[in-house]
Amino acid sequence: MVKREKNTKYIKVIDDTITFPARQGNGILRYTLSTDKKGKIARYSMSYINLNICSIDNGRVLGFDNCHGYHHRHYMGKEENIDFSSYEEVAERFESEWRALHEKHKK
């Protein structure tokens, strides 16, 4: 579903949340992606939230976004800048890292 964000020039094209039950290790995956009017990616956010693993930063275990004007990674309450070459590369990195964390703590 394509939806214009309130009071902005961006169009939200992805706004998904996936919740894992306790038997699958708990946790929430959250993805948002917005483009400008020309379809160019303007804002993105990907996060893995699990209060059983991390109790700070609202339970965000891992996240990548550019919502503050720069590309960065959140991990267990800490934030660090990342080198950005493409959204696809960041999305692949997020996918790989959250799967490893989820598997490790699922047991």
Protein backbone atom coordinates (compact mmCIF):
# COMPACT_ATOMS: atom_id res chain seq x y z
CA MET A 1 0.00 0.00 0.00
CA VAL A 2 1.38 3.42 -0.96
CA LYS A 3 0.63 6.15 1.54
CA ARG A 4 1.77 9.74 1.73
CA GLU A 5 3.32 10.56 5.10
CA LYS A 6 1.60 13.35 7.00
CA ASN A 7 2.95 16.84 6.29
CA THR A 8 5.92 15.60 4.24
CA LYS A 9 7.01 15.27 0.67
CA TYR A 10 7.66 11.54 1.11
CA ILE A 11 5.52 8.56 0.17
CA LYS A 12 5.63 5.53 2.48
CA VAL A 13 5.87 2.40 0.35
CA ILE A 14 6.69 -0.16 3.06
CA ASP A 15 5.33 -0.21 6.60
CA ASP A 16 5.51 -3.81 7.84
CA THR A 17 5.68 -5.41 11.27
CA ILE A 18 6.30 -9.12 11.85
CA THR A 19 5.82 -10.52 15.36
CA PHE A 20 7.34 -13.83 16.44
CA PRO A 21 5.56 -15.88 19.13
CA ALA A 22 7.45 -17.22 22.16
CA ARG A 23 7.86 -20.67 20.59
CA GLN A 24 9.72 -19.01 17.71
CA GLY A 25 11.99 -16.93 19.93
CA ASN A 26 9.89 -13.79 20.50
CA GLY A 27 10.72 -10.50 18.89
CA ILE A 28 9.41 -8.02 16.38
CA LEU A 29 10.77 -7.05 12.98
CA ARG A 30 9.80 -3.59 11.76
CA TYR A 31 10.44 -2.23 8.26
CA THR A 32 9.60 1.21 6.87
CA LEU A 33 10.64 2.72 3.56
CA SER A 34 9.66 6.07 2.04
CA THR A 35 10.44 7.53 -1.35
CA ASP A 36 10.35 11.02 -2.77
CA LYS A 37 7.89 11.95 -5.52
CA LYS A 38 10.28 10.60 -8.16
CA GLY A 39 10.51 7.17 -6.50
CA LYS A 40 14.01 7.62 -5.06
CA ILE A 41 14.50 6.13 -1.58
CA ALA A 42 14.43 8.99 0.91
CA ARG A 43 14.01 7.35 4.32
CA TYR A 44 14.34 3.84 5.65
CA SER A 45 14.29 2.05 8.96
CA MET A 46 14.75 -1.64 9.80
CA SER A 47 14.72 -2.90 13.36
CA TYR A 48 14.73 -6.11 15.37
CA ILE A 49 13.09 -5.60 18.76
CA ASN A 50 13.21 -8.17 21.54
CA LEU A 51 12.95 -7.14 25.19
CA ASN A 52 14.20 -10.60 26.23
CA ILE A 53 17.57 -9.75 24.66
CA CYS A 54 17.85 -5.98 25.16
CA SER A 55 15.99 -3.87 27.71
CA ILE A 56 17.35 -0.48 26.60
CA ASP A 57 16.53 1.59 23.49
CA ASN A 58 12.90 0.37 23.69
CA GLY A 59 14.07 -3.22 23.22
CA ARG A 60 15.78 -2.54 19.90
CA VAL A 61 18.45 -5.21 19.58
CA LEU A 62 19.48 -4.20 16.08
CA GLY A 63 18.48 -1.48 13.67
CA PHE A 64 19.57 0.42 10.59
CA ASP A 65 18.12 3.75 9.47
CA ASN A 66 18.77 7.19 8.04
CA CYS A 67 15.98 9.01 9.87
CA HIS A 68 18.25 11.61 11.47
CA GLY A 69 19.91 12.69 8.25
CA TYR A 70 22.72 10.13 8.28
CA HIS A 71 23.05 6.36 7.85
CA HIS A 72 23.63 4.50 11.09
CA ARG A 73 23.31 1.21 12.92
CA HIS A 74 21.82 0.60 16.36
CA TYR A 75 23.03 -2.38 18.36
CA MET A 76 22.09 -3.11 21.99
CA GLY A 77 21.60 0.56 22.87
CA LYS A 78 24.62 1.90 21.02
CA GLU A 79 24.69 3.78 17.74
CA GLU A 80 27.41 3.93 15.08
CA ASN A 81 27.71 5.51 11.65
CA ILE A 82 27.85 3.13 8.70
CA ASP A 83 29.25 3.45 5.21
CA PHE A 84 26.33 3.57 2.80
CA SER A 85 26.55 2.40 -0.78
CA SER A 86 22.97 1.24 -1.37
CA TYR A 87 19.73 0.49 0.44
CA GLU A 88 19.89 -3.10 -0.84
CA GLU A 89 23.30 -3.62 0.75
CA VAL A 90 22.09 -2.28 4.11
CA ALA A 91 18.95 -4.42 3.90
CA GLU A 92 21.05 -7.55 3.24
CA ARG A 93 23.33 -6.73 6.17
CA PHE A 94 20.33 -6.22 8.46
CA GLU A 95 18.77 -9.50 7.32
CA SER A 96 21.97 -11.44 7.96
CA GLU A 97 22.64 -9.87 11.37
CA TRP A 98 19.10 -10.15 12.77
CA ARG A 99 18.79 -13.78 11.68
CA ALA A 100 22.05 -14.66 13.46
CA LEU A 101 20.94 -12.84 16.63
CA HIS A 102 17.49 -14.41 16.54
CA GLU A 103 18.88 -17.93 16.11
CA LYS A 104 21.42 -17.45 18.88
CA HIS A 105 18.82 -16.31 21.40
CA LYS A 106 15.99 -18.59 20.26
CA LYS A 107 17.56 -21.58 21.98
